[in-house]
Structure formats: C-alpha cells, structure tokens
C-alpha cells in the first residue's frame, strides 16, 4: 500500500507537463536524459535494496526525484505538482513558449541604427544614384519593390529623420556636381546642357518621390509640415538654377532673336521649367515667358491694337531678312491659282470652251 501511494504521489500532474512544444517527452524517453541526470530506480526496488542506491533496514523511504521541465530560454526548472505550473498543465507551458517565441521574433526584426547605416541606406543610396543619372528611356536594373520595402521598414523602425537627412544630403551633393559641370560649359552648349540637367532631374523626381511616399506621409507632412517634392524642387532651384539664371537668361534672349538657333522644344522646356522653379523670374523677360506661359502679359486692350500690329509687321520683316519668304511665295502661288480658276469659271459660264 505504501508503494502504491508513493507512486501516485510522484505521478499525476508532472507527467502532463513533460512534453515540450515539439511533443518530446522529457521524463519518459531517452531524449533529454543528459539534462535530467540518471533515472531514479523504481521505488519498489529501492525499498527492497539496501546500500547506496536504496534504503537501509532502518532508514526512511527516499523522497521521489522530481522531474525537470525545460523553459523556452533553455533554463531548467523543477516541476512542482502542487505549484502553479502543475495546475496549468501542458497548455500553460505551450502558451508561455509561444509568447517567448513571438517576443524573440519581434526583437530579431528590430532595425538598429547600425543596421540602417550598413544594410538599408546603402541600397537606397545606390538606387538614388541610378535614378539621378539616368537618361530618358534608359532601363534601370533596380527593384522598385525592394526599395519601397526598405523605406517602409525604416519608417516603421523610427529612422525617418535620419533617412530624410541622408536623402537631402545625397541629392544636394549631386546637384553641386551638376552646377560645376554647367559652369565649365562653353556658351554654345550652355543652353542645351542646362536643358538636359533640368529634364534629367525632374524625371528622376517622378520615381524618387513615390519611392519615399511613406516617409513623406508619416514624417515630412506630419512633423515638418512640408512636402517631399517641393523640398527636392527647391534643392534644384537653390543649388543649380539660381546660380546660373543670370548667365542663362541673356543666352535665351539672344537665341530668341535668332530663329532656330536652338530647337523650339528646348526653349519651351527651359522657360516652363524656370517658371515652375520660381515664377518671379518672369519679370526678367516677360515677352519671352509669355510665348510659352499663358496669361503672363496683361490682357490686350483696343487702344493698343496699332502697336500690336506694328510688332507683328516688325517680326515679319525680320523673318524676311533672314530668308523666310516661303509664306509669301505660297500666298502668291495660291493667288495665281485662284485667279486662273476664277477666269476659267467665268469663261465656262459664258459658254466658252
């Protein structure tokens, strides 16, 4: 009877707690035996045997060895049948293990500032480089999804301020190099190279701004009360356009007075671009801007119609002096054809063949 009662006392609640999350029985099988130490002999044998392993004739019965359960962090803990762990059973241990595993997984996904500088920003830096230097129609071998994901993770990990600072610094350095290259350009290539730099940068913004949309929404708009696109356009204004406007504008006016010195599309791109960067620059050459931007000049009034007509006549004379007489010749041929057709119609109406 004593043997049966002790067996019941040593069993019960502990057996249910011996399985870990992978259903490995830590107490019954050989798995984990090296952690638990040598197995205790059956109590019945201990009572019948004397010596070091059992009881002497006059000694009290040995207390049953308590099994040990592993925790999720690798620390071993004794199983107390009467304690809270014994009452919770396998469900309580499984829940504790799942919580610890979820916490570990979350901590593993934390992006430190060192991770940002060594892993995430280099990817963004390389992509920005390619976008800023691409030519229209070029294929860029970058993954927009990967870059978008990098920005999203960095924003979620509270690296928005550092990422914004790095982005502004990166683009500022690029624009300063562009400005130096323009300064070294000869006058006959100055306008064309400015047009290329302006178009290339504005094209790059169409990709850069959407890639950093999360940073724009949750940091720039929320904390700085600004917009990323406006900030990047201002960078080009401050570091390129403002430094070259006083050299560029006289060349544009000279090109305007000489028809087709530069292509009309180049002139239109530059004038519209300058107006986008800083509308106040219209005052430097209102007549030039008015040819490409509507409503720049004051509305026409009837009292100045003669002046407008004189300006048109002057333009026509300048075109004729430069050899543009094709319109007059076309009108002359059209008049001759009209006269011939009119005479034929008149003769036909009178019956002459």
Protein backbone atom coordinates (compact mmCIF):
# COMPACT_ATOMS: atom_id res chain seq x y z
CA UNK A 1 0.00 0.00 0.00
CA UNK A 2 2.84 2.39 0.84
CA UNK A 3 4.45 1.69 -2.52
CA UNK A 4 1.19 2.41 -4.42
CA UNK A 5 0.57 5.68 -2.58
CA UNK A 6 4.08 6.91 -3.22
CA UNK A 7 3.81 6.06 -6.89
CA UNK A 8 0.58 8.06 -7.11
CA UNK A 9 2.20 10.96 -5.25
CA UNK A 10 5.18 11.02 -7.63
CA UNK A 11 2.97 10.84 -10.73
CA UNK A 12 -0.11 12.81 -11.65
CA UNK A 13 0.39 16.46 -12.58
CA UNK A 14 4.06 16.23 -13.58
CA UNK A 15 3.55 13.71 -16.38
CA UNK A 16 1.27 16.08 -18.26
CA UNK A 17 3.95 18.74 -18.17
CA UNK A 18 6.82 16.67 -19.51
CA UNK A 19 6.12 17.29 -23.22
CA UNK A 20 7.72 20.34 -24.81
CA UNK A 21 6.36 22.26 -27.83
CA UNK A 22 7.71 19.56 -30.18
CA UNK A 23 5.94 16.77 -28.21
CA UNK A 24 9.21 15.33 -26.89
CA UNK A 25 8.65 13.51 -23.60
CA UNK A 26 11.46 14.75 -21.40
CA UNK A 27 10.84 12.42 -18.50
CA UNK A 28 9.90 9.09 -20.02
CA UNK A 29 12.21 8.71 -23.02
CA UNK A 30 15.93 8.99 -23.57
CA UNK A 31 15.67 12.44 -25.20
CA UNK A 32 16.88 14.98 -22.66
CA UNK A 33 18.23 12.33 -20.32
CA UNK A 34 21.59 14.07 -20.32
CA UNK A 35 19.86 17.14 -18.89
CA UNK A 36 17.90 15.30 -16.24
CA UNK A 37 20.69 13.08 -14.99
CA UNK A 38 20.44 9.32 -14.32
CA UNK A 39 16.94 7.99 -13.95
CA UNK A 40 15.76 7.12 -10.46
CA UNK A 41 15.15 3.41 -9.89
CA UNK A 42 11.60 2.24 -9.22
CA UNK A 43 10.50 2.87 -5.68
CA UNK A 44 9.72 -0.77 -5.13
CA UNK A 45 13.27 -1.83 -5.92
CA UNK A 46 14.60 0.94 -3.69
CA UNK A 47 12.66 -0.36 -0.73
CA UNK A 48 13.85 -3.92 -1.23
CA UNK A 49 17.50 -2.98 -1.91
CA UNK A 50 19.85 -1.54 0.60
CA UNK A 51 23.15 0.17 0.09
CA UNK A 52 23.90 3.35 -1.80
CA UNK A 53 21.02 3.13 -4.26
CA UNK A 54 18.20 2.28 -1.84
CA UNK A 55 17.18 2.26 1.83
CA UNK A 56 18.81 0.58 4.73
CA UNK A 57 16.74 -1.59 7.00
CA UNK A 58 16.15 1.27 9.43
CA UNK A 59 16.17 4.21 7.05
CA UNK A 60 13.09 6.23 5.93
CA UNK A 61 11.85 5.93 2.37
CA UNK A 62 13.68 8.19 -0.09
CA UNK A 63 11.75 11.12 -1.47
CA UNK A 64 10.83 10.66 -5.14
CA UNK A 65 13.06 12.59 -7.58
CA UNK A 66 11.18 15.48 -9.11
CA UNK A 67 11.34 15.60 -12.91
CA UNK A 68 12.56 18.75 -14.63
CA UNK A 69 10.93 20.69 -17.45
CA UNK A 70 12.80 22.89 -19.94
CA UNK A 71 11.81 26.51 -20.41
CA UNK A 72 11.83 28.31 -23.75
CA UNK A 73 15.05 30.16 -22.93
CA UNK A 74 16.98 27.00 -22.11
CA UNK A 75 16.80 27.20 -18.28
CA UNK A 76 15.68 24.04 -16.47
CA UNK A 77 13.04 24.25 -13.79
CA UNK A 78 11.78 21.67 -11.33
CA UNK A 79 8.23 20.54 -11.74
CA UNK A 80 6.18 21.06 -8.64
CA UNK A 81 2.90 19.09 -8.78
CA UNK A 82 1.31 21.38 -6.28
CA UNK A 83 2.56 24.63 -7.84
CA UNK A 84 1.08 26.90 -10.44
CA UNK A 85 2.88 25.14 -13.28
CA UNK A 86 1.41 21.82 -12.30
CA UNK A 87 -2.07 23.26 -12.16
CA UNK A 88 -1.78 24.87 -15.61
CA UNK A 89 -0.72 21.68 -17.35
CA UNK A 90 0.75 21.45 -20.83
CA UNK A 91 -1.41 24.31 -22.12
CA UNK A 92 0.18 26.85 -19.79
CA UNK A 93 3.71 25.83 -20.80
CA UNK A 94 2.83 25.88 -24.50
CA UNK A 95 1.37 29.37 -24.13
CA UNK A 96 4.48 30.61 -22.32
CA UNK A 97 6.72 29.12 -25.01
CA UNK A 98 4.67 30.73 -27.79
CA UNK A 99 4.82 34.14 -26.09
CA UNK A 100 8.57 33.91 -25.65
CA UNK A 101 9.00 32.81 -29.26
CA UNK A 102 6.88 35.73 -30.52
CA UNK A 103 8.88 38.18 -28.41
CA UNK A 104 12.15 36.79 -29.74
CA UNK A 105 10.89 37.02 -33.30
CA UNK A 106 9.90 40.67 -32.78
CA UNK A 107 13.26 41.53 -31.27
CA UNK A 108 15.04 39.86 -34.18
CA UNK A 109 13.21 42.19 -36.62
CA UNK A 110 14.32 45.40 -34.91
CA UNK A 111 16.43 47.60 -37.22
CA UNK A 112 19.14 49.34 -35.23
CA UNK A 113 20.86 52.49 -36.43
CA UNK A 114 23.87 50.33 -37.30
CA UNK A 115 21.64 48.07 -39.41
CA UNK A 116 20.21 51.11 -41.14
CA UNK A 117 23.64 52.54 -41.98
CA UNK A 118 25.23 49.25 -43.07
CA UNK A 119 22.34 47.49 -44.83
CA UNK A 120 19.33 49.66 -45.65
CA UNK A 121 20.73 53.06 -46.60
CA UNK A 122 23.38 51.62 -49.00
CA UNK A 123 20.54 50.05 -51.01
CA UNK A 124 18.66 53.36 -51.13
CA UNK A 125 21.84 55.29 -51.93
CA UNK A 126 22.63 53.09 -54.93
CA UNK A 127 19.07 53.32 -56.29
CA UNK A 128 19.01 57.13 -55.95
CA UNK A 129 22.32 57.34 -57.81
CA UNK A 130 20.92 55.43 -60.75
CA UNK A 131 17.70 57.45 -60.83
CA UNK A 132 19.52 60.79 -60.78
CA UNK A 133 21.88 59.88 -63.61
CA UNK A 134 19.54 58.01 -65.93
CA UNK A 135 18.78 59.29 -69.39
CA UNK A 136 15.20 59.37 -70.70
CA UNK A 137 14.24 55.92 -71.92
CA UNK A 138 17.07 54.11 -70.09
CA UNK A 139 16.35 50.83 -68.31
CA UNK A 140 17.41 50.84 -64.66
CA UNK A 141 18.12 47.39 -63.15
CA UNK A 142 16.72 48.11 -59.69
CA UNK A 143 13.83 46.58 -57.79
CA UNK A 144 11.30 49.28 -57.01
CA UNK A 145 9.51 46.84 -54.69
CA UNK A 146 12.70 46.26 -52.70
CA UNK A 147 13.43 49.97 -52.37
CA UNK A 148 9.83 50.69 -51.39
CA UNK A 149 10.04 47.94 -48.76
CA UNK A 150 13.31 49.35 -47.35
CA UNK A 151 11.75 52.77 -46.93
CA UNK A 152 8.65 51.30 -45.29
CA UNK A 153 10.67 49.27 -42.77
CA UNK A 154 12.91 52.20 -41.88
CA UNK A 155 9.88 54.44 -41.29
CA UNK A 156 8.28 51.80 -39.06
CA UNK A 157 11.51 51.50 -37.06
CA UNK A 158 11.68 55.26 -36.38
CA UNK A 159 14.53 56.05 -38.79
CA UNK A 160 12.59 58.64 -40.82
CA UNK A 161 14.58 61.63 -39.60
CA UNK A 162 17.92 60.04 -40.41
CA UNK A 163 16.68 58.82 -43.79
CA UNK A 164 15.35 62.25 -44.74
CA UNK A 165 18.65 63.87 -43.74
CA UNK A 166 20.61 61.34 -45.81
CA UNK A 167 18.35 61.83 -48.82
CA UNK A 168 18.70 65.63 -48.77
CA UNK A 169 22.46 65.39 -48.36
CA UNK A 170 22.73 62.85 -51.18
CA UNK A 171 20.77 64.94 -53.69
CA UNK A 172 22.48 68.19 -52.64
CA UNK A 173 25.90 66.70 -53.38
CA UNK A 174 24.67 65.52 -56.78
CA UNK A 175 23.29 68.96 -57.69
CA UNK A 176 26.50 70.70 -56.68
CA UNK A 177 28.40 68.48 -59.13
CA UNK A 178 25.86 69.30 -61.84
CA UNK A 179 26.30 73.02 -61.18
CA UNK A 180 30.08 72.78 -61.51
CA UNK A 181 29.74 70.94 -64.83
CA UNK A 182 27.46 73.68 -66.16
CA UNK A 183 29.92 76.38 -65.14
CA UNK A 184 32.56 74.69 -67.27
CA UNK A 185 30.30 74.52 -70.34
CA UNK A 186 31.05 76.77 -73.37
CA UNK A 187 28.34 79.31 -74.33
CA UNK A 188 27.25 77.42 -77.44
CA UNK A 189 26.50 74.31 -75.33
CA UNK A 190 25.30 76.07 -72.19
CA UNK A 191 21.59 76.17 -73.01
CA UNK A 192 21.44 72.58 -74.21
CA UNK A 193 23.29 71.22 -71.18
CA UNK A 194 21.09 73.18 -68.78
CA UNK A 195 18.06 71.72 -70.51
CA UNK A 196 19.46 68.18 -70.10
CA UNK A 197 20.24 68.72 -66.41
CA UNK A 198 16.78 70.16 -65.74
CA UNK A 199 14.94 67.41 -67.61
CA UNK A 200 17.02 64.64 -66.05
CA UNK A 201 16.39 65.89 -62.53
CA UNK A 202 12.66 66.41 -62.99
CA UNK A 203 12.39 62.94 -64.49
CA UNK A 204 14.22 61.43 -61.51
CA UNK A 205 11.79 63.09 -59.09
CA UNK A 206 8.92 61.20 -60.73
CA UNK A 207 10.48 57.99 -59.35
CA UNK A 208 12.14 59.20 -56.15
CA UNK A 209 9.08 60.88 -54.64
CA UNK A 210 6.79 57.80 -54.93
CA UNK A 211 9.50 55.52 -53.50
CA UNK A 212 9.68 57.68 -50.36
CA UNK A 213 5.93 58.16 -50.05
CA UNK A 214 5.79 56.61 -46.54
CA UNK A 215 8.50 58.92 -45.25
CA UNK A 216 6.69 61.84 -46.85
CA UNK A 217 3.35 60.93 -45.33
CA UNK A 218 4.41 60.00 -41.80
CA UNK A 219 7.36 62.34 -41.26
CA UNK A 220 7.67 65.25 -43.70
CA UNK A 221 3.97 66.12 -43.92
CA UNK A 222 3.20 65.27 -40.29
CA UNK A 223 6.20 66.65 -38.41
CA UNK A 224 7.76 69.15 -40.82
CA UNK A 225 4.51 70.36 -42.44
CA UNK A 226 6.13 70.25 -45.87
CA UNK A 227 6.08 68.08 -48.98
CA UNK A 228 8.97 65.99 -50.29
CA UNK A 229 8.52 67.04 -53.92
CA UNK A 230 8.54 70.73 -53.01
CA UNK A 231 11.69 70.25 -50.94
CA UNK A 232 13.51 68.46 -53.79
CA UNK A 233 12.47 71.06 -56.37
CA UNK A 234 13.76 73.78 -54.05
CA UNK A 235 17.11 71.99 -53.93
CA UNK A 236 17.50 72.32 -57.70
CA UNK A 237 16.44 75.96 -57.51
CA UNK A 238 18.96 76.81 -54.80
CA UNK A 239 21.94 74.79 -55.99
CA UNK A 240 21.63 74.97 -59.80
CA UNK A 241 19.07 77.36 -61.30
CA UNK A 242 19.69 80.32 -59.01
CA UNK A 243 23.44 80.12 -59.63
CA UNK A 244 23.03 80.10 -63.43
CA UNK A 245 19.95 82.22 -64.13
CA UNK A 246 21.93 85.40 -64.81
CA UNK A 247 24.15 83.62 -67.32
CA UNK A 248 21.30 81.66 -68.84
CA UNK A 249 18.77 84.43 -69.43
CA UNK A 250 20.92 86.59 -71.80
CA UNK A 251 21.68 83.49 -73.87
CA UNK A 252 17.96 82.68 -74.08
CA UNK A 253 17.12 86.21 -75.22
CA UNK A 254 19.87 86.06 -77.83
CA UNK A 255 18.63 82.70 -79.05
CA UNK A 256 15.11 84.10 -79.26
CA UNK A 257 16.22 86.89 -81.59
CA UNK A 258 17.94 84.37 -83.87
CA UNK A 259 15.32 81.92 -85.13
CA UNK A 260 16.17 78.24 -84.76
CA UNK A 261 19.46 78.85 -83.00
CA UNK A 262 18.10 76.30 -80.55
CA UNK A 263 15.16 74.00 -81.10
CA UNK A 264 11.71 75.29 -80.06
CA UNK A 265 11.25 72.30 -77.77
CA UNK A 266 14.46 73.13 -75.86
CA UNK A 267 13.39 76.75 -75.44
CA UNK A 268 9.93 75.70 -74.27
CA UNK A 269 11.30 73.16 -71.75
CA UNK A 270 13.69 75.66 -70.20
CA UNK A 271 11.21 78.53 -69.98
CA UNK A 272 8.48 76.34 -68.48
CA UNK A 273 10.98 74.76 -66.10
CA UNK A 274 12.23 78.13 -64.87
CA UNK A 275 8.65 79.25 -64.31
CA UNK A 276 8.00 76.09 -62.26
CA UNK A 277 11.11 76.63 -60.15
CA UNK A 278 10.47 80.30 -59.42
CA UNK A 279 7.59 82.23 -61.04
CA UNK A 280 9.18 85.57 -60.09
CA UNK A 281 11.78 85.07 -62.80
CA UNK A 282 9.10 86.07 -65.32
CA UNK A 283 9.95 89.69 -64.56
CA UNK A 284 13.41 89.22 -66.09
CA UNK A 285 11.96 88.60 -69.58
CA UNK A 286 8.15 88.90 -69.72
CA UNK A 287 7.99 88.78 -73.52
CA UNK A 288 9.99 85.54 -73.60
CA UNK A 289 7.91 83.82 -70.93
CA UNK A 290 4.65 84.99 -72.49
CA UNK A 291 5.37 82.93 -75.60
CA UNK A 292 5.23 79.69 -73.59
CA UNK A 293 3.25 80.53 -70.44
CA UNK A 294 -0.34 81.78 -70.81
CA UNK A 295 -1.60 84.94 -69.11
CA UNK A 296 1.86 86.31 -68.38
CA UNK A 297 1.34 89.68 -70.08
CA UNK A 298 -1.58 91.99 -69.26
CA UNK A 299 -4.71 91.39 -71.36
CA UNK A 300 -4.88 93.15 -74.74
CA UNK A 301 -6.79 96.41 -74.95
CA UNK A 302 -8.34 98.01 -78.00
CA UNK A 303 -6.30 101.19 -77.72
CA UNK A 304 -3.06 99.24 -78.31
CA UNK A 305 -4.13 97.32 -81.41
CA UNK A 306 -1.97 99.51 -83.64
CA UNK A 307 1.05 98.75 -81.51
CA UNK A 308 0.37 95.01 -81.70
CA UNK A 309 0.09 95.26 -85.48
CA UNK A 310 3.40 97.15 -85.65
CA UNK A 311 5.08 94.40 -83.61
CA UNK A 312 3.75 91.74 -85.98
CA UNK A 313 4.96 93.65 -89.01
CA UNK A 314 8.39 94.03 -87.47
CA UNK A 315 8.55 90.30 -86.86
CA UNK A 316 7.58 89.59 -90.46
CA UNK A 317 10.30 91.91 -91.76
CA UNK A 318 12.91 90.21 -89.57
CA UNK A 319 11.84 86.83 -90.91
CA UNK A 320 12.09 88.04 -94.50
CA UNK A 321 15.57 89.45 -93.86
CA UNK A 322 16.65 86.04 -92.64
CA UNK A 323 15.35 84.35 -95.80
CA UNK A 324 11.94 83.20 -94.56
CA UNK A 325 9.86 84.13 -97.65
CA UNK A 326 8.16 80.82 -98.09
CA UNK A 327 4.86 82.08 -96.75
CA UNK A 328 4.74 84.97 -99.25
CA UNK A 329 5.57 82.65 -102.13
CA UNK A 330 2.89 80.23 -101.03
CA UNK A 331 0.34 83.01 -100.85
CA UNK A 332 1.45 84.25 -104.30
CA UNK A 333 1.02 80.79 -105.82
CA UNK A 334 -2.35 80.44 -104.11
CA UNK A 335 -3.44 83.80 -105.58
CA UNK A 336 -2.34 82.83 -109.06
CA UNK A 337 -4.26 79.57 -108.84
CA UNK A 338 -7.31 81.41 -107.56
CA UNK A 339 -7.12 83.89 -110.47
CA UNK A 340 -6.75 81.10 -113.00
CA UNK A 341 -9.63 79.11 -111.56
CA UNK A 342 -11.81 82.23 -111.43
CA UNK A 343 -11.11 83.07 -115.08
CA UNK A 344 -11.88 79.51 -116.14
CA UNK A 345 -15.13 79.54 -114.24
CA UNK A 346 -16.12 82.87 -115.81
CA UNK A 347 -15.36 81.63 -119.33
CA UNK A 348 -17.26 78.44 -118.70
CA UNK A 349 -20.32 80.35 -117.52
CA UNK A 350 -20.33 82.35 -120.77
CA UNK A 351 -20.19 79.22 -122.91
CA UNK A 352 -16.54 79.47 -123.98
CA UNK A 353 -14.66 76.20 -124.08
